[in-house]
N, C-alpha and C. Protein backbone atom coordinates (compact mmCIF):
# COMPACT_ATOMS: atom_id res chain seq x y z
N MET A 1 0.83 -1.18 0.00
CA MET A 1 0.00 0.00 0.00
C MET A 1 0.88 1.24 0.00
N LEU A 2 0.47 2.23 -0.75
CA LEU A 2 1.22 3.48 -0.83
C LEU A 2 1.02 4.32 0.41
N PRO A 3 2.08 4.93 0.90
CA PRO A 3 1.94 5.88 2.01
C PRO A 3 1.49 7.24 1.47
N ASP A 4 1.16 8.14 2.37
CA ASP A 4 0.89 9.52 1.99
C ASP A 4 2.21 10.27 1.96
N TRP A 5 2.29 11.35 1.18
CA TRP A 5 3.46 12.21 1.17
C TRP A 5 2.99 13.64 1.00
N PRO A 6 3.81 14.61 1.44
CA PRO A 6 3.40 16.01 1.38
C PRO A 6 3.27 16.53 -0.06
N PRO A 7 2.32 17.44 -0.31
CA PRO A 7 2.21 18.06 -1.64
C PRO A 7 3.53 18.72 -2.01
N GLY A 8 3.90 18.62 -3.27
CA GLY A 8 5.13 19.25 -3.75
C GLY A 8 6.37 18.40 -3.55
N THR A 9 6.22 17.21 -2.99
CA THR A 9 7.37 16.32 -2.83
C THR A 9 7.92 15.97 -4.21
N VAL A 10 9.22 16.14 -4.38
CA VAL A 10 9.86 15.76 -5.63
C VAL A 10 10.05 14.26 -5.63
N ALA A 11 9.55 13.60 -6.66
CA ALA A 11 9.73 12.16 -6.84
C ALA A 11 10.61 11.96 -8.06
N ILE A 12 11.23 10.80 -8.15
CA ILE A 12 12.09 10.48 -9.29
C ILE A 12 11.42 9.38 -10.10
N LEU A 13 11.09 9.69 -11.36
CA LEU A 13 10.45 8.75 -12.26
C LEU A 13 11.52 8.07 -13.12
N ALA A 14 11.54 6.75 -13.12
CA ALA A 14 12.46 5.99 -13.95
C ALA A 14 11.67 5.25 -15.02
N THR A 15 12.11 5.43 -16.27
CA THR A 15 11.53 4.75 -17.42
C THR A 15 12.67 4.04 -18.15
N VAL A 16 12.30 3.12 -19.02
CA VAL A 16 13.30 2.38 -19.79
C VAL A 16 12.98 2.51 -21.27
N GLY A 17 14.01 2.75 -22.07
CA GLY A 17 13.78 2.82 -23.51
C GLY A 17 14.87 3.56 -24.21
N ALA A 18 14.54 4.00 -25.41
CA ALA A 18 15.50 4.66 -26.29
C ALA A 18 15.99 5.97 -25.68
N PRO A 19 17.22 6.35 -26.01
CA PRO A 19 17.74 7.63 -25.54
C PRO A 19 16.87 8.78 -26.03
N ASP A 20 16.96 9.90 -25.34
CA ASP A 20 16.16 11.07 -25.69
C ASP A 20 16.30 11.48 -27.14
N ALA A 21 17.51 11.46 -27.67
CA ALA A 21 17.72 11.90 -29.04
C ALA A 21 16.92 11.06 -30.03
N ALA A 22 16.70 9.80 -29.69
CA ALA A 22 15.99 8.91 -30.60
C ALA A 22 14.48 9.13 -30.56
N ILE A 23 13.97 9.78 -29.52
CA ILE A 23 12.52 9.94 -29.41
C ILE A 23 12.07 11.38 -29.25
N GLY A 24 12.97 12.32 -29.35
CA GLY A 24 12.54 13.71 -29.32
C GLY A 24 12.98 14.49 -28.10
N ALA A 25 13.99 14.08 -27.43
CA ALA A 25 14.63 14.79 -26.31
C ALA A 25 13.65 15.27 -25.25
N ASP A 26 13.95 14.91 -24.01
CA ASP A 26 13.14 15.37 -22.89
C ASP A 26 13.00 16.88 -22.87
N ALA A 27 14.06 17.59 -23.20
CA ALA A 27 14.01 19.06 -23.12
C ALA A 27 13.11 19.65 -24.18
N ALA A 28 13.00 19.02 -25.34
CA ALA A 28 12.18 19.57 -26.42
C ALA A 28 10.71 19.43 -26.08
N GLY A 29 10.03 20.54 -26.00
CA GLY A 29 8.60 20.52 -25.77
C GLY A 29 8.20 20.28 -24.34
N ALA A 30 9.14 20.32 -23.41
CA ALA A 30 8.77 20.12 -22.01
C ALA A 30 7.87 21.26 -21.58
N ALA A 31 6.86 20.93 -20.81
CA ALA A 31 5.94 21.96 -20.34
C ALA A 31 6.57 22.72 -19.20
N GLY A 32 7.79 22.44 -18.87
CA GLY A 32 8.50 23.13 -17.82
C GLY A 32 8.57 22.27 -16.59
N GLY A 33 8.77 22.89 -15.47
CA GLY A 33 8.73 22.21 -14.19
C GLY A 33 9.85 21.25 -13.93
N VAL A 34 9.94 20.85 -12.69
CA VAL A 34 10.86 19.79 -12.34
C VAL A 34 10.32 18.57 -13.04
N GLY A 35 11.10 18.00 -13.95
CA GLY A 35 10.64 16.84 -14.71
C GLY A 35 9.61 17.20 -15.76
N GLY A 36 9.46 18.50 -16.07
CA GLY A 36 8.53 18.88 -17.12
C GLY A 36 7.09 18.89 -16.66
N SER A 37 6.85 18.79 -15.36
CA SER A 37 5.47 18.78 -14.94
C SER A 37 4.91 20.18 -14.80
N ALA A 38 5.78 21.18 -14.69
CA ALA A 38 5.21 22.51 -14.66
C ALA A 38 6.11 23.70 -14.93
N GLY A 39 7.41 23.64 -15.04
CA GLY A 39 8.15 24.81 -15.50
C GLY A 39 9.61 24.97 -15.15
N GLY A 40 10.63 24.36 -15.66
CA GLY A 40 12.02 24.69 -15.37
C GLY A 40 13.02 23.62 -15.69
N ALA A 41 13.61 23.01 -14.67
CA ALA A 41 14.72 22.08 -14.87
C ALA A 41 14.21 20.67 -15.07
N GLY A 42 15.08 19.82 -15.50
CA GLY A 42 14.73 18.42 -15.70
C GLY A 42 15.60 17.85 -16.78
N GLY A 43 15.41 16.64 -17.11
CA GLY A 43 16.20 15.97 -18.11
C GLY A 43 16.28 14.52 -17.73
N SER A 44 17.13 13.79 -18.42
CA SER A 44 17.22 12.38 -18.08
C SER A 44 18.62 12.04 -17.66
N ALA A 45 18.74 11.06 -16.82
CA ALA A 45 20.03 10.54 -16.40
C ALA A 45 20.25 9.28 -17.21
N GLY A 46 21.26 9.26 -18.02
CA GLY A 46 21.50 8.22 -19.01
C GLY A 46 21.45 6.82 -18.47
N GLY A 47 21.52 5.90 -19.38
CA GLY A 47 21.28 4.50 -19.10
C GLY A 47 22.35 3.80 -18.32
N ALA A 48 21.91 2.83 -17.56
CA ALA A 48 22.82 1.97 -16.82
C ALA A 48 22.71 0.58 -17.42
N GLY A 49 23.77 0.13 -18.05
CA GLY A 49 23.79 -1.24 -18.58
C GLY A 49 22.86 -1.43 -19.75
N GLY A 50 22.97 -2.56 -20.41
CA GLY A 50 22.07 -2.90 -21.51
C GLY A 50 22.35 -2.07 -22.74
N SER A 51 21.57 -2.32 -23.77
CA SER A 51 21.75 -1.59 -25.02
C SER A 51 21.16 -0.19 -24.90
N ALA A 52 21.54 0.68 -25.82
CA ALA A 52 21.08 2.06 -25.78
C ALA A 52 19.56 2.16 -25.86
N ASP A 53 18.91 1.21 -26.59
CA ASP A 53 17.46 1.29 -26.69
C ASP A 53 16.76 0.77 -25.45
N GLN A 54 17.50 0.28 -24.47
CA GLN A 54 16.92 -0.16 -23.21
C GLN A 54 17.56 0.55 -22.02
N ALA A 55 18.06 1.75 -22.24
CA ALA A 55 18.70 2.53 -21.19
C ALA A 55 17.66 2.98 -20.16
N VAL A 56 18.11 3.12 -18.92
CA VAL A 56 17.25 3.63 -17.85
C VAL A 56 17.38 5.15 -17.83
N HIS A 57 16.26 5.83 -17.75
CA HIS A 57 16.21 7.29 -17.69
C HIS A 57 15.47 7.68 -16.43
N ALA A 58 16.01 8.62 -15.68
CA ALA A 58 15.37 9.08 -14.44
C ALA A 58 15.25 10.60 -14.48
N ILE A 59 14.06 11.09 -14.13
CA ILE A 59 13.81 12.53 -14.09
C ILE A 59 13.08 12.88 -12.80
N PRO A 60 13.31 14.09 -12.28
CA PRO A 60 12.51 14.56 -11.14
C PRO A 60 11.13 14.98 -11.61
N VAL A 61 10.14 14.72 -10.79
CA VAL A 61 8.75 15.08 -11.09
C VAL A 61 8.21 15.84 -9.88
N SER A 62 7.70 17.05 -10.13
CA SER A 62 7.22 17.88 -9.02
C SER A 62 5.75 17.68 -8.71
N ALA A 63 5.01 17.05 -9.60
CA ALA A 63 3.57 16.87 -9.39
C ALA A 63 3.25 15.38 -9.37
N ALA A 64 3.29 14.80 -8.18
CA ALA A 64 2.92 13.39 -7.99
C ALA A 64 1.89 13.35 -6.87
N VAL A 65 0.75 12.74 -7.15
CA VAL A 65 -0.38 12.72 -6.22
C VAL A 65 -0.80 11.28 -5.97
N ARG A 66 -0.96 10.91 -4.71
CA ARG A 66 -1.48 9.59 -4.34
C ARG A 66 -2.95 9.56 -4.73
N ALA A 67 -3.37 8.55 -5.49
CA ALA A 67 -4.75 8.46 -5.97
C ALA A 67 -5.39 7.17 -5.49
N GLY A 68 -4.96 6.69 -4.35
CA GLY A 68 -5.49 5.45 -3.78
C GLY A 68 -4.35 4.58 -3.30
N PRO A 69 -4.68 3.45 -2.71
CA PRO A 69 -3.64 2.59 -2.14
C PRO A 69 -2.69 2.00 -3.16
N ARG A 70 -3.11 1.95 -4.43
CA ARG A 70 -2.27 1.35 -5.48
C ARG A 70 -2.21 2.20 -6.75
N HIS A 71 -2.49 3.49 -6.64
CA HIS A 71 -2.48 4.36 -7.83
C HIS A 71 -1.82 5.70 -7.51
N ILE A 72 -1.02 6.17 -8.47
CA ILE A 72 -0.37 7.47 -8.39
C ILE A 72 -0.67 8.20 -9.69
N LEU A 73 -0.94 9.50 -9.58
CA LEU A 73 -1.08 10.34 -10.76
C LEU A 73 0.10 11.31 -10.79
N ILE A 74 0.69 11.45 -11.99
CA ILE A 74 1.78 12.41 -12.16
C ILE A 74 1.46 13.27 -13.38
N GLY A 75 2.01 14.48 -13.38
CA GLY A 75 1.90 15.36 -14.53
C GLY A 75 3.23 15.39 -15.26
N LEU A 76 3.20 15.14 -16.56
CA LEU A 76 4.40 15.21 -17.39
C LEU A 76 4.15 16.15 -18.56
N GLY A 77 5.17 16.92 -18.90
CA GLY A 77 5.09 17.77 -20.08
C GLY A 77 4.83 16.91 -21.31
N ALA A 78 3.96 17.39 -22.18
CA ALA A 78 3.53 16.60 -23.35
C ALA A 78 4.69 16.21 -24.26
N GLY A 79 5.79 16.94 -24.24
CA GLY A 79 6.91 16.63 -25.10
C GLY A 79 8.02 15.84 -24.43
N ARG A 80 7.80 15.35 -23.23
CA ARG A 80 8.85 14.65 -22.48
C ARG A 80 9.23 13.33 -23.13
N GLY A 81 10.51 13.05 -23.17
CA GLY A 81 11.00 11.76 -23.62
C GLY A 81 10.50 10.64 -22.72
N SER A 82 10.37 10.93 -21.43
CA SER A 82 9.86 9.92 -20.49
C SER A 82 8.43 9.51 -20.85
N LEU A 83 7.63 10.46 -21.29
CA LEU A 83 6.26 10.16 -21.70
C LEU A 83 6.27 9.25 -22.93
N ALA A 84 7.11 9.55 -23.89
CA ALA A 84 7.22 8.70 -25.09
C ALA A 84 7.68 7.29 -24.71
N ARG A 85 8.63 7.20 -23.78
CA ARG A 85 9.12 5.88 -23.37
C ARG A 85 8.04 5.07 -22.66
N LEU A 86 7.29 5.69 -21.76
CA LEU A 86 6.28 4.91 -21.03
C LEU A 86 5.12 4.51 -21.94
N ARG A 87 4.92 5.24 -23.01
CA ARG A 87 3.89 4.83 -23.97
C ARG A 87 4.28 3.55 -24.71
N THR A 88 5.58 3.35 -24.93
CA THR A 88 6.03 2.14 -25.62
C THR A 88 6.41 1.03 -24.65
N GLY A 89 6.81 1.38 -23.45
CA GLY A 89 7.16 0.40 -22.42
C GLY A 89 6.65 0.90 -21.09
N PRO A 90 5.49 0.44 -20.66
CA PRO A 90 4.82 1.05 -19.51
C PRO A 90 5.42 0.75 -18.13
N ARG A 91 6.41 -0.13 -18.03
CA ARG A 91 7.00 -0.43 -16.73
C ARG A 91 7.79 0.77 -16.23
N VAL A 92 7.46 1.25 -15.04
CA VAL A 92 8.12 2.42 -14.46
C VAL A 92 8.38 2.19 -12.97
N ALA A 93 9.23 3.03 -12.43
CA ALA A 93 9.45 3.08 -10.99
C ALA A 93 9.41 4.55 -10.58
N LEU A 94 8.81 4.83 -9.44
CA LEU A 94 8.75 6.19 -8.91
C LEU A 94 9.30 6.15 -7.49
N ALA A 95 10.44 6.80 -7.28
CA ALA A 95 11.03 6.89 -5.94
C ALA A 95 10.51 8.16 -5.28
N ILE A 96 10.01 8.01 -4.05
CA ILE A 96 9.43 9.13 -3.31
C ILE A 96 10.19 9.23 -1.99
N ILE A 97 10.80 10.39 -1.76
CA ILE A 97 11.57 10.58 -0.53
C ILE A 97 11.14 11.89 0.10
N ALA A 98 10.68 11.80 1.34
CA ALA A 98 10.27 12.96 2.13
C ALA A 98 10.63 12.66 3.58
N GLU A 99 10.34 13.58 4.47
CA GLU A 99 10.65 13.36 5.88
C GLU A 99 10.02 12.05 6.36
N ASP A 100 10.85 11.18 6.94
CA ASP A 100 10.42 9.88 7.46
C ASP A 100 9.80 8.97 6.41
N LEU A 101 10.17 9.15 5.14
CA LEU A 101 9.59 8.37 4.07
C LEU A 101 10.62 8.13 2.96
N ALA A 102 10.78 6.88 2.58
CA ALA A 102 11.61 6.53 1.43
C ALA A 102 11.03 5.24 0.85
N VAL A 103 10.32 5.39 -0.28
CA VAL A 103 9.70 4.24 -0.94
C VAL A 103 9.95 4.31 -2.44
N THR A 104 9.89 3.16 -3.07
CA THR A 104 9.88 3.08 -4.53
C THR A 104 8.63 2.32 -4.93
N ALA A 105 7.80 2.96 -5.74
CA ALA A 105 6.58 2.33 -6.26
C ALA A 105 6.89 1.84 -7.67
N ARG A 106 6.68 0.56 -7.91
CA ARG A 106 6.93 -0.02 -9.23
C ARG A 106 5.62 -0.50 -9.82
N GLY A 107 5.43 -0.22 -11.11
CA GLY A 107 4.18 -0.65 -11.74
C GLY A 107 4.14 -0.28 -13.20
N ARG A 108 2.92 -0.13 -13.71
CA ARG A 108 2.67 0.18 -15.12
C ARG A 108 2.02 1.55 -15.23
N ALA A 109 2.51 2.32 -16.19
CA ALA A 109 2.00 3.67 -16.39
C ALA A 109 1.20 3.75 -17.68
N ARG A 110 0.20 4.64 -17.66
CA ARG A 110 -0.57 4.88 -18.87
C ARG A 110 -1.07 6.32 -18.84
N VAL A 111 -1.26 6.87 -20.02
CA VAL A 111 -1.81 8.21 -20.12
C VAL A 111 -3.27 8.15 -19.71
N LEU A 112 -3.64 8.99 -18.77
CA LEU A 112 -5.02 9.03 -18.28
C LEU A 112 -5.77 10.21 -18.88
N ASP A 113 -5.08 11.32 -19.05
CA ASP A 113 -5.71 12.53 -19.59
C ASP A 113 -4.64 13.28 -20.39
N ALA A 114 -4.78 13.30 -21.70
CA ALA A 114 -3.77 13.91 -22.57
C ALA A 114 -3.78 15.43 -22.51
N THR A 115 -4.81 16.01 -21.91
CA THR A 115 -4.91 17.47 -21.83
C THR A 115 -5.28 17.90 -20.41
N LEU A 116 -4.53 17.42 -19.43
CA LEU A 116 -4.80 17.79 -18.03
C LEU A 116 -4.86 19.30 -17.88
N VAL A 117 -3.81 19.96 -18.26
CA VAL A 117 -3.76 21.42 -18.45
C VAL A 117 -2.92 21.60 -19.70
N GLU A 118 -2.94 22.78 -20.27
CA GLU A 118 -2.23 22.99 -21.53
C GLU A 118 -0.77 22.53 -21.44
N GLY A 119 -0.41 21.61 -22.33
CA GLY A 119 0.96 21.13 -22.40
C GLY A 119 1.35 20.08 -21.39
N VAL A 120 0.41 19.67 -20.54
CA VAL A 120 0.71 18.69 -19.49
C VAL A 120 -0.25 17.51 -19.59
N VAL A 121 0.32 16.31 -19.51
CA VAL A 121 -0.42 15.06 -19.60
C VAL A 121 -0.51 14.42 -18.22
N ALA A 122 -1.70 13.94 -17.86
CA ALA A 122 -1.85 13.18 -16.62
C ALA A 122 -1.52 11.72 -16.90
N VAL A 123 -0.62 11.17 -16.10
CA VAL A 123 -0.22 9.78 -16.23
C VAL A 123 -0.59 9.06 -14.95
N GLU A 124 -1.22 7.91 -15.09
CA GLU A 124 -1.56 7.08 -13.94
C GLU A 124 -0.56 5.94 -13.85
N ILE A 125 -0.05 5.72 -12.65
CA ILE A 125 0.80 4.56 -12.39
C ILE A 125 -0.02 3.59 -11.55
N GLU A 126 -0.26 2.41 -12.11
CA GLU A 126 -0.91 1.34 -11.36
C GLU A 126 0.21 0.57 -10.67
N VAL A 127 0.26 0.67 -9.36
CA VAL A 127 1.39 0.17 -8.58
C VAL A 127 1.22 -1.31 -8.28
N ASP A 128 2.23 -2.09 -8.68
CA ASP A 128 2.26 -3.53 -8.38
C ASP A 128 2.97 -3.81 -7.07
N GLU A 129 4.05 -3.08 -6.82
CA GLU A 129 4.86 -3.31 -5.63
C GLU A 129 5.35 -1.99 -5.06
N VAL A 130 5.43 -1.94 -3.74
CA VAL A 130 5.99 -0.78 -3.05
C VAL A 130 7.15 -1.29 -2.19
N ASP A 131 8.34 -0.78 -2.49
CA ASP A 131 9.51 -1.12 -1.69
C ASP A 131 9.68 -0.04 -0.65
N ASP A 132 9.59 -0.42 0.62
CA ASP A 132 9.78 0.53 1.72
C ASP A 132 11.24 0.46 2.13
N HIS A 133 11.95 1.58 2.02
CA HIS A 133 13.38 1.61 2.29
C HIS A 133 13.70 2.04 3.71
N ASP A 134 12.68 2.15 4.56
CA ASP A 134 12.90 2.54 5.95
C ASP A 134 13.73 1.48 6.67
N ARG A 135 14.70 1.91 7.44
CA ARG A 135 15.54 1.03 8.23
C ARG A 135 15.73 1.64 9.62
N PRO A 136 15.89 0.80 10.63
CA PRO A 136 16.09 1.34 11.98
C PRO A 136 17.47 1.98 12.17
N THR A 137 18.34 1.86 11.18
CA THR A 137 19.70 2.38 11.31
C THR A 137 19.85 3.81 10.79
N PHE A 138 18.80 4.41 10.23
CA PHE A 138 18.88 5.78 9.75
C PHE A 138 17.50 6.42 9.76
N ALA A 139 17.48 7.74 9.63
CA ALA A 139 16.22 8.50 9.54
C ALA A 139 16.31 9.45 8.36
N ILE A 140 15.25 9.52 7.57
CA ILE A 140 15.15 10.50 6.50
C ILE A 140 14.63 11.78 7.14
N GLU A 141 15.45 12.81 7.17
CA GLU A 141 15.06 14.05 7.85
C GLU A 141 14.34 15.03 6.94
N ALA A 142 14.50 14.85 5.64
CA ALA A 142 13.83 15.75 4.70
C ALA A 142 13.92 15.17 3.30
N GLY A 143 13.03 15.61 2.45
CA GLY A 143 13.12 15.27 1.04
C GLY A 143 14.00 16.29 0.35
N VAL A 144 13.83 16.42 -0.94
CA VAL A 144 14.59 17.41 -1.71
C VAL A 144 14.09 18.80 -1.34
N ALA A 145 15.01 19.67 -0.93
CA ALA A 145 14.65 21.05 -0.63
C ALA A 145 14.72 21.84 -1.94
N TRP A 146 13.58 22.39 -2.36
CA TRP A 146 13.55 23.11 -3.62
C TRP A 146 12.46 24.17 -3.56
N ARG A 147 12.54 25.09 -4.50
CA ARG A 147 11.51 26.12 -4.63
C ARG A 147 11.52 26.63 -6.05
N TRP A 148 10.41 27.16 -6.48
CA TRP A 148 10.34 27.78 -7.80
C TRP A 148 11.04 29.12 -7.74
N THR A 149 11.76 29.46 -8.79
CA THR A 149 12.39 30.77 -8.89
C THR A 149 11.64 31.65 -9.89
N ASP A 150 10.57 31.13 -10.43
CA ASP A 150 9.75 31.85 -11.40
C ASP A 150 8.30 31.77 -10.95
N ALA A 151 7.68 32.91 -10.76
CA ALA A 151 6.30 32.95 -10.25
C ALA A 151 5.32 32.24 -11.17
N ASP A 152 5.48 32.39 -12.49
CA ASP A 152 4.58 31.72 -13.43
C ASP A 152 4.72 30.20 -13.33
N ALA A 153 5.94 29.72 -13.20
CA ALA A 153 6.17 28.28 -13.07
C ALA A 153 5.55 27.76 -11.76
N GLU A 154 5.66 28.55 -10.70
CA GLU A 154 5.07 28.15 -9.43
C GLU A 154 3.55 28.06 -9.54
N ARG A 155 2.94 29.05 -10.18
CA ARG A 155 1.48 29.02 -10.38
C ARG A 155 1.08 27.82 -11.23
N ARG A 156 1.83 27.56 -12.28
CA ARG A 156 1.53 26.44 -13.17
C ARG A 156 1.65 25.11 -12.44
N ASP A 157 2.67 24.95 -11.63
CA ASP A 157 2.84 23.72 -10.87
C ASP A 157 1.65 23.51 -9.93
N HIS A 158 1.22 24.58 -9.29
CA HIS A 158 0.05 24.50 -8.41
C HIS A 158 -1.19 24.10 -9.21
N GLU A 159 -1.36 24.67 -10.39
CA GLU A 159 -2.48 24.34 -11.26
C GLU A 159 -2.46 22.85 -11.66
N VAL A 160 -1.28 22.35 -12.00
CA VAL A 160 -1.14 20.94 -12.38
C VAL A 160 -1.48 20.04 -11.19
N ARG A 161 -0.93 20.35 -10.02
CA ARG A 161 -1.18 19.52 -8.84
C ARG A 161 -2.66 19.53 -8.46
N GLU A 162 -3.30 20.71 -8.52
CA GLU A 162 -4.74 20.81 -8.22
C GLU A 162 -5.55 19.98 -9.22
N ALA A 163 -5.20 20.05 -10.49
CA ALA A 163 -5.91 19.26 -11.51
C ALA A 163 -5.74 17.77 -11.26
N LEU A 164 -4.54 17.36 -10.85
CA LEU A 164 -4.31 15.94 -10.53
C LEU A 164 -5.14 15.52 -9.32
N MET A 165 -5.21 16.38 -8.31
CA MET A 165 -6.02 16.04 -7.12
C MET A 165 -7.50 15.93 -7.46
N ARG A 166 -7.99 16.81 -8.33
CA ARG A 166 -9.40 16.71 -8.77
C ARG A 166 -9.62 15.41 -9.52
N LEU A 167 -8.70 15.06 -10.40
CA LEU A 167 -8.80 13.81 -11.16
C LEU A 167 -8.77 12.61 -10.21
N ALA A 168 -7.90 12.65 -9.22
CA ALA A 168 -7.83 11.55 -8.24
C ALA A 168 -9.14 11.43 -7.47
N ALA A 169 -9.73 12.56 -7.09
CA ALA A 169 -11.00 12.54 -6.35
C ALA A 169 -12.13 11.97 -7.21
N ARG A 170 -12.17 12.32 -8.50
CA ARG A 170 -13.20 11.78 -9.40
C ARG A 170 -13.04 10.28 -9.56
N ARG A 171 -11.80 9.82 -9.62
CA ARG A 171 -11.55 8.38 -9.81
C ARG A 171 -11.88 7.59 -8.56
N ALA A 172 -11.86 8.25 -7.41
CA ALA A 172 -12.14 7.55 -6.14
C ALA A 172 -13.62 7.29 -5.95
N ARG A 173 -14.46 8.00 -6.68
CA ARG A 173 -15.91 7.85 -6.52
C ARG A 173 -16.40 6.54 -7.06
C-alpha cells in the first residue's frame, strides 16, 4: 500500500527505452517544471547497462499525487521523452523521498488525460509493488529542498497539482 506524502514532494520517475535523441529529447517541448510537470529544470540521467534502446532514464517530477492505495497520478510535459518511453514500455518506478519516508513504487503507467492542463499530460501509475526503504539504522530528515524561482512556473505547478487532485477525487468515486 502506498503511504501519503506532502504536496510538492519531488519524486524520481524511472523509465526504460530509447535515448532522448531517438525519441525527441526530454528538453524539447517540455511543459516546464521539475521533470517537465510545470516549469524549469529536468532531463534524463543516461542509461545503466544494456543496449542504448533499453537505457534507464530518471527525471525529477514535481507533481505526484497519491490516488489510492495502489495508484499514483503524475503530470508530465507533453513533449517529455519519459512520456514517449512509457507509452512504448509502460513499466516504471517512482522513488518518493520525504521526511520519514523513502519508498519506490513499481508498476505500469498509462496516459489518463492527454490534456490535463495545456501542455501537461496526466499519467496514472498502477502500482504492483511498493519497496519501503525505511531502516532502523537511519532516519530521513527531509526530502529534496527546492523552490520555484519563477512565479509563473510556481502558479503552473500548483495548477497541475490541483488538476491531478481533482482527477484523483473523481476516480475515487
